[in-house]
C-alpha atoms as a PDB file:
ATOM      1  CA  VAL A   1      44.563  74.757 166.088  1.00  0.00           C
ATOM      2  CA  ASP A   2      40.860  75.064 165.315  1.00  0.00           C
ATOM      3  CA  VAL A   3      40.008  73.237 162.036  1.00  0.00           C
ATOM      4  CA  GLY A   4      36.335  74.154 162.280  1.00  0.00           C
ATOM      5  CA  GLY A   5      34.849  70.720 163.009  1.00  0.00           C
ATOM      6  CA  CYS A   6      37.220  68.591 161.180  1.00  0.00           C
ATOM      7  CA  GLU A   7      38.066  65.886 163.669  1.00  0.00           C
ATOM      8  CA  ASN A   8      40.795  64.228 161.805  1.00  0.00           C
ATOM      9  CA  ALA A   9      42.536  67.030 160.180  1.00  0.00           C
ATOM     10  CA  GLU A  10      46.208  67.660 160.699  1.00  0.00           C
ATOM     11  CA  PRO A  11      47.517  71.421 160.752  1.00  0.00           C
ATOM     12  CA  VAL A  12      49.252  72.077 157.278  1.00  0.00           C
ATOM     13  CA  ILE A  13      52.656  73.949 157.564  1.00  0.00           C
ATOM     14  CA  VAL A  14      53.671  75.910 154.375  1.00  0.00           C
ATOM     15  CA  LEU A  15      57.302  76.526 153.766  1.00  0.00           C
ATOM     16  CA  ARG A  16      58.454  79.096 151.193  1.00  0.00           C
ATOM     17  CA  THR A  17      62.009  80.090 150.303  1.00  0.00           C
ATOM     18  CA  ILE A  18      62.575  83.852 150.076  1.00  0.00           C
ATOM     19  CA  ASN A  19      65.445  85.139 148.256  1.00  0.00           C
ATOM     20  CA  ILE A  20      66.498  88.376 149.484  1.00  0.00           C
ATOM     21  CA  PHE A  21      68.896  90.475 147.387  1.00  0.00           C
ATOM     22  CA  ALA A  22      70.604  93.611 147.862  1.00  0.00           C
ATOM     23  CA  LEU A  23      69.370  96.012 144.997  1.00  0.00           C
ATOM     24  CA  GLY A  24      71.513  97.598 142.644  1.00  0.00           C
ATOM     25  CA  ARG A  25      71.634 101.021 140.811  1.00  0.00           C
ATOM     26  CA  ILE A  26      72.442 102.482 137.487  1.00  0.00           C
ATOM     27  CA  SER A  27      73.528 105.849 137.035  1.00  0.00           C
ATOM     28  CA  GLY A  28      75.298 108.101 134.620  1.00  0.00           C
ATOM     29  CA  ALA A  29      74.848 111.307 132.052  1.00  0.00           C
ATOM     30  CA  VAL A  30      73.814 112.140 128.569  1.00  0.00           C
ATOM     31  CA  ARG A  31      76.568 114.658 127.463  1.00  0.00           C
ATOM     32  CA  CYS A  32      77.588 116.885 124.634  1.00  0.00           C
ATOM     33  CA  LEU A  33      81.223 116.850 124.451  1.00  0.00           C
ATOM     34  CA  ASP A  34      81.275 120.004 122.153  1.00  0.00           C
ATOM     35  CA  THR A  35      79.967 121.983 124.934  1.00  0.00           C
ATOM     36  CA  SER A  36      80.767 119.685 128.104  1.00  0.00           C
ATOM     37  CA  ASP A  37      77.175 120.007 129.071  1.00  0.00           C
ATOM     38  CA  GLY A  38      74.536 117.400 130.072  1.00  0.00           C
ATOM     39  CA  VAL A  39      71.556 117.074 127.565  1.00  0.00           C
ATOM     40  CA  ALA A  40      68.499 117.579 129.418  1.00  0.00           C
ATOM     41  CA  ASN A  41      65.147 115.776 128.910  1.00  0.00           C
ATOM     42  CA  VAL A  42      66.479 112.794 126.889  1.00  0.00           C
ATOM     43  CA  LEU A  43      64.297 109.719 127.309  1.00  0.00           C
ATOM     44  CA  LEU A  44      65.934 106.485 128.331  1.00  0.00           C
ATOM     45  CA  GLU A  45      64.621 102.921 128.729  1.00  0.00           C
ATOM     46  CA  LEU A  46      65.768 100.299 130.828  1.00  0.00           C
ATOM     47  CA  GLN A  47      65.115  96.785 129.599  1.00  0.00           C
ATOM     48  CA  VAL A  48      65.560  93.083 130.347  1.00  0.00           C
ATOM     49  CA  GLY A  49      65.251  91.337 127.020  1.00  0.00           C
ATOM     50  CA  ASN A  50      62.467  92.988 125.175  1.00  0.00           C
ATOM     51  CA  GLU A  51      60.738  93.916 128.244  1.00  0.00           C
ATOM     52  CA  ARG A  52      60.692  97.529 129.426  1.00  0.00           C
ATOM     53  CA  ILE A  53      61.501  97.694 132.936  1.00  0.00           C
ATOM     54  CA  SER A  54      61.538 101.247 133.613  1.00  0.00           C
ATOM     55  CA  ARG A  55      61.712 104.662 131.736  1.00  0.00           C
ATOM     56  CA  MET A  56      62.899 108.189 132.724  1.00  0.00           C
ATOM     57  CA  ARG A  57      64.202 111.331 131.217  1.00  0.00           C
ATOM     58  CA  THR A  58      67.465 113.056 132.042  1.00  0.00           C
ATOM     59  CA  SER A  59      67.490 115.880 134.511  1.00  0.00           C
ATOM     60  CA  THR A  60      68.201 119.596 133.682  1.00  0.00           C
ATOM     61  CA  ASP A  61      72.096 118.569 134.208  1.00  0.00           C
ATOM     62  CA  GLY A  62      71.570 115.410 131.571  1.00  0.00           C
ATOM     63  CA  THR A  63      71.690 112.980 134.604  1.00  0.00           C
ATOM     64  CA  TYR A  64      69.811 109.990 135.219  1.00  0.00           C
ATOM     65  CA  GLN A  65      69.608 107.165 137.831  1.00  0.00           C
ATOM     66  CA  PHE A  66      67.529 103.745 137.970  1.00  0.00           C
ATOM     67  CA  SER A  67      67.115 102.511 141.221  1.00  0.00           C
ATOM     68  CA  ASP A  68      66.261  99.348 143.106  1.00  0.00           C
ATOM     69  CA  LEU A  69      67.197  96.915 140.692  1.00  0.00           C
ATOM     70  CA  LEU A  70      67.693  93.057 140.914  1.00  0.00           C
ATOM     71  CA  PRO A  71      70.629  91.382 139.470  1.00  0.00           C
ATOM     72  CA  ASN A  72      70.177  90.747 135.794  1.00  0.00           C
ATOM     73  CA  THR A  73      71.269  91.651 132.313  1.00  0.00           C
ATOM     74  CA  TYR A  74      70.069  95.024 131.290  1.00  0.00           C
ATOM     75  CA  SER A  75      69.622  97.018 127.938  1.00  0.00           C
ATOM     76  CA  LEU A  76      69.851 101.003 128.394  1.00  0.00           C
ATOM     77  CA  VAL A  77      68.144 102.593 125.417  1.00  0.00           C
ATOM     78  CA  ILE A  78      68.397 106.084 124.323  1.00  0.00           C
ATOM     79  CA  ASN A  79      65.495 107.415 122.524  1.00  0.00           C
ATOM     80  CA  GLU A  80      67.158 109.108 119.587  1.00  0.00           C
ATOM     81  CA  ARG A  81      63.966 111.454 118.680  1.00  0.00           C
ATOM     82  CA  THR A  82      64.547 112.903 122.296  1.00  0.00           C
ATOM     83  CA  LEU A  83      68.107 113.964 121.566  1.00  0.00           C
ATOM     84  CA  PRO A  84      68.494 117.763 120.321  1.00  0.00           C
ATOM     85  CA  GLU A  85      69.174 118.536 116.804  1.00  0.00           C
ATOM     86  CA  ALA A  86      72.315 120.610 118.098  1.00  0.00           C
ATOM     87  CA  CYS A  87      73.965 117.673 119.668  1.00  0.00           C
ATOM     88  CA  ASN A  88      72.876 114.191 118.345  1.00  0.00           C
ATOM     89  CA  LEU A  89      76.016 112.644 116.681  1.00  0.00           C
ATOM     90  CA  PHE A  90      76.749 109.390 118.628  1.00  0.00           C
ATOM     91  CA  ILE A  91      80.172 109.202 119.888  1.00  0.00           C
ATOM     92  CA  SER A  92      80.437 106.455 122.591  1.00  0.00           C
ATOM     93  CA  ASN A  93      78.213 104.509 125.373  1.00  0.00           C
ATOM     94  CA  PRO A  94      78.996 102.646 128.498  1.00  0.00           C
ATOM     95  CA  GLY A  95      78.845  99.408 126.693  1.00  0.00           C
ATOM     96  CA  GLY A  96      81.567 100.543 124.350  1.00  0.00           C
ATOM     97  CA  THR A  97      79.310  99.602 121.280  1.00  0.00           C
ATOM     98  CA  ASP A  98      77.917 101.632 118.227  1.00  0.00           C
ATOM     99  CA  GLY A  99      74.460 103.090 118.808  1.00  0.00           C
ATOM    100  CA  ASN A 100      72.197 104.347 121.441  1.00  0.00           C
ATOM    101  CA  THR A 101      72.001 101.095 123.355  1.00  0.00           C
ATOM    102  CA  SER A 102      74.300  99.559 125.929  1.00  0.00           C
ATOM    103  CA  THR A 103      74.026  96.106 127.377  1.00  0.00           C
ATOM    104  CA  PHE A 104      75.517  95.021 130.611  1.00  0.00           C
ATOM    105  CA  ILE A 105      75.111  92.787 133.769  1.00  0.00           C
ATOM    106  CA  LEU A 106      74.275  94.394 137.093  1.00  0.00           C
ATOM    107  CA  ASN A 107      75.356  92.266 139.901  1.00  0.00           C
ATOM    108  CA  GLU A 108      73.807  92.045 143.241  1.00  0.00           C
ATOM    109  CA  GLY A 109      73.846  95.166 145.122  1.00  0.00           C
ATOM    110  CA  GLU A 110      76.044  96.873 142.326  1.00  0.00           C
ATOM    111  CA  ASN A 111      76.151 100.414 141.710  1.00  0.00           C
ATOM    112  CA  LYS A 112      76.946 100.900 138.496  1.00  0.00           C
ATOM    113  CA  ARG A 113      78.057 104.774 138.058  1.00  0.00           C
ATOM    114  CA  ASN A 114      79.365 106.784 135.032  1.00  0.00           C
ATOM    115  CA  GLN A 115      77.186 105.048 132.385  1.00  0.00           C
ATOM    116  CA  ASP A 116      77.526 107.913 130.234  1.00  0.00           C
ATOM    117  CA  PHE A 117      76.383 108.333 126.426  1.00  0.00           C
ATOM    118  CA  GLU A 118      78.443 110.866 124.540  1.00  0.00           C
ATOM    119  CA  TYR A 119      77.283 112.675 121.608  1.00  0.00           C
ATOM    120  CA  HIS A 120      78.909 115.484 119.313  1.00  0.00           C
ATOM    121  CA  ALA A 121      77.092 118.356 117.508  1.00  0.00           C
ATOM    122  CA  HIS A 122      76.828 118.569 113.875  1.00  0.00           C
ATOM    123  CA  GLY A 123      79.731 120.500 112.049  1.00  0.00           C
ATOM    124  CA  SER A 124      79.811 122.398 108.884  1.00  0.00           C
ATOM    125  CA  ILE A 125      82.284 123.623 106.364  1.00  0.00           C
ATOM    126  CA  GLY A 126      81.653 126.765 104.259  1.00  0.00           C
ATOM    127  CA  GLY A 127      83.244 129.347 102.339  1.00  0.00           C
ATOM    128  CA  THR A 128      83.066 131.956  99.239  1.00  0.00           C
ATOM    129  CA  ILE A 129      84.528 131.249  95.960  1.00  0.00           C
ATOM    130  CA  LYS A 130      85.551 134.490  94.177  1.00  0.00           C
ATOM    131  CA  CYS A 131      87.505 135.213  90.989  1.00  0.00           C
ATOM    132  CA  SER A 132      90.920 136.651  92.317  1.00  0.00           C
ATOM    133  CA  ASP A 133      91.317 139.108  89.025  1.00  0.00           C
ATOM    134  CA  THR A 134      88.019 140.959  89.696  1.00  0.00           C
ATOM    135  CA  ASN A 135      87.030 139.961  93.251  1.00  0.00           C
ATOM    136  CA  GLU A 136      83.512 138.808  91.973  1.00  0.00           C
ATOM    137  CA  ALA A 137      81.740 135.923  93.595  1.00  0.00           C
ATOM    138  CA  ILE A 138      81.231 132.899  91.209  1.00  0.00           C
ATOM    139  CA  ALA A 139      77.800 131.005  91.216  1.00  0.00           C
ATOM    140  CA  ASN A 140      77.432 127.246  90.002  1.00  0.00           C
ATOM    141  CA  ILE A 141      80.780 126.066  90.962  1.00  0.00           C
ATOM    142  CA  THR A 142      80.326 122.627  92.067  1.00  0.00           C
ATOM    143  CA  LEU A 143      82.398 121.460  95.048  1.00  0.00           C
ATOM    144  CA  GLU A 144      82.881 118.000  96.585  1.00  0.00           C
ATOM    145  CA  LEU A 145      83.478 117.037 100.317  1.00  0.00           C
ATOM    146  CA  ARG A 146      85.743 113.993 100.378  1.00  0.00           C
ATOM    147  CA  LEU A 147      86.663 111.636 103.392  1.00  0.00           C
ATOM    148  CA  GLY A 148      89.659 109.827 101.965  1.00  0.00           C
ATOM    149  CA  ASN A 149      88.930 108.688  98.639  1.00  0.00           C
ATOM    150  CA  ARG A 150      85.157 108.600  99.204  1.00  0.00           C
ATOM    151  CA  ARG A 151      83.020 111.534  98.210  1.00  0.00           C
ATOM    152  CA  VAL A 152      80.606 112.403 101.155  1.00  0.00           C
ATOM    153  CA  LYS A 153      78.554 115.384  99.579  1.00  0.00           C
ATOM    154  CA  ARG A 154      78.254 117.518  96.690  1.00  0.00           C
ATOM    155  CA  VAL A 155      77.175 121.328  96.768  1.00  0.00           C
ATOM    156  CA  ALA A 156      77.241 124.285  94.343  1.00  0.00           C
ATOM    157  CA  THR A 157      77.752 127.862  95.072  1.00  0.00           C
ATOM    158  CA  ASP A 158      74.847 130.194  95.068  1.00  0.00           C
ATOM    159  CA  ALA A 159      74.482 133.800  93.436  1.00  0.00           C
ATOM    160  CA  ASN A 160      77.123 135.135  96.194  1.00  0.00           C
ATOM    161  CA  GLY A 161      79.561 132.439  95.466  1.00  0.00           C
ATOM    162  CA  PHE A 162      78.631 130.865  98.936  1.00  0.00           C
ATOM    163  CA  TYR A 163      78.965 127.012  99.783  1.00  0.00           C
ATOM    164  CA  LEU A 164      78.084 124.999 102.665  1.00  0.00           C
ATOM    165  CA  PHE A 165      78.381 121.532 103.798  1.00  0.00           C
ATOM    166  CA  THR A 166      76.199 120.716 106.809  1.00  0.00           C
ATOM    167  CA  THR A 167      75.158 118.116 109.424  1.00  0.00           C
ATOM    168  CA  LEU A 168      79.005 116.637 109.284  1.00  0.00           C
ATOM    169  CA  ARG A 169      80.402 114.352 111.610  1.00  0.00           C
ATOM    170  CA  PRO A 170      83.733 115.204 113.326  1.00  0.00           C
ATOM    171  CA  GLU A 171      86.504 114.097 110.660  1.00  0.00           C
ATOM    172  CA  THR A 172      89.234 115.259 108.386  1.00  0.00           C
ATOM    173  CA  TYR A 173      87.619 116.480 105.198  1.00  0.00           C
ATOM    174  CA  THR A 174      89.062 117.623 101.986  1.00  0.00           C
ATOM    175  CA  VAL A 175      86.928 120.365  99.760  1.00  0.00           C
ATOM    176  CA  ASN A 176      87.457 119.951  96.018  1.00  0.00           C
ATOM    177  CA  LEU A 177      86.437 121.974  93.131  1.00  0.00           C
ATOM    178  CA  VAL A 178      84.889 120.281  90.006  1.00  0.00           C
ATOM    179  CA  ASN A 179      87.200 121.572  87.314  1.00  0.00           C
ATOM    180  CA  SER A 180      84.400 121.179  84.605  1.00  0.00           C
ATOM    181  CA  THR A 181      82.377 123.711  86.677  1.00  0.00           C
ATOM    182  CA  LEU A 182      84.819 126.564  86.613  1.00  0.00           C
ATOM    183  CA  PRO A 183      84.332 129.573  84.208  1.00  0.00           C
ATOM    184  CA  ASP A 184      86.538 130.598  81.537  1.00  0.00           C
ATOM    185  CA  LYS A 185      86.499 134.250  82.221  1.00  0.00           C
ATOM    186  CA  CYS A 186      88.453 133.934  85.670  1.00  0.00           C
ATOM    187  CA  ASN A 187      92.392 133.249  85.702  1.00  0.00           C
ATOM    188  CA  SER A 188      92.464 132.213  89.400  1.00  0.00           C
ATOM    189  CA  LEU A 189      90.085 131.640  91.967  1.00  0.00           C
ATOM    190  CA  VAL A 190      90.351 132.520  95.665  1.00  0.00           C
ATOM    191  CA  SER A 191      88.309 130.488  98.212  1.00  0.00           C
ATOM    192  CA  ASN A 192      87.714 132.059 101.509  1.00  0.00           C
ATOM    193  CA  PRO A 193      86.468 129.461 104.111  1.00  0.00           C
ATOM    194  CA  ASP A 194      84.550 130.389 106.642  1.00  0.00           C
END
């Protein structure tokens, strides 16, 4: 070893430990269960703690894949603003928690498949209120949408007797008329739900 003129120099040996890990992968889809379709162009972020490791958008069939990942605890986060209005009611995620974030451990060399996020479309309930005696539509009838004992929404019929409750989650609802808003001139009402 030529040490450049240093007569008493000894060679230096540097030892380093290099850990070699088999890299892992996380893949899945964002799906709208009402249509069974994948949801394209949804932004996903992969995080470790609060640090973003990677981000990507779902493909045209709603699938995604993060590759070449070291073993770690990851959070997969859906950006809610990139979900389509037609299908953005959260149902489930791979972590089994509520919300658009799933946290899980990826082991060495593990390939986590089927890390799917599932959503429903918004539903609506509507119909027309008419007087059965005259078959005339009745305006300004107040209706309440109830989920069990809880009032969820309240609307009034328009000039054509039409009412509509929108942006509803999949549930079993009851529609009630508010008696104090019923007209005196009509003996019985007919409701034609759509």
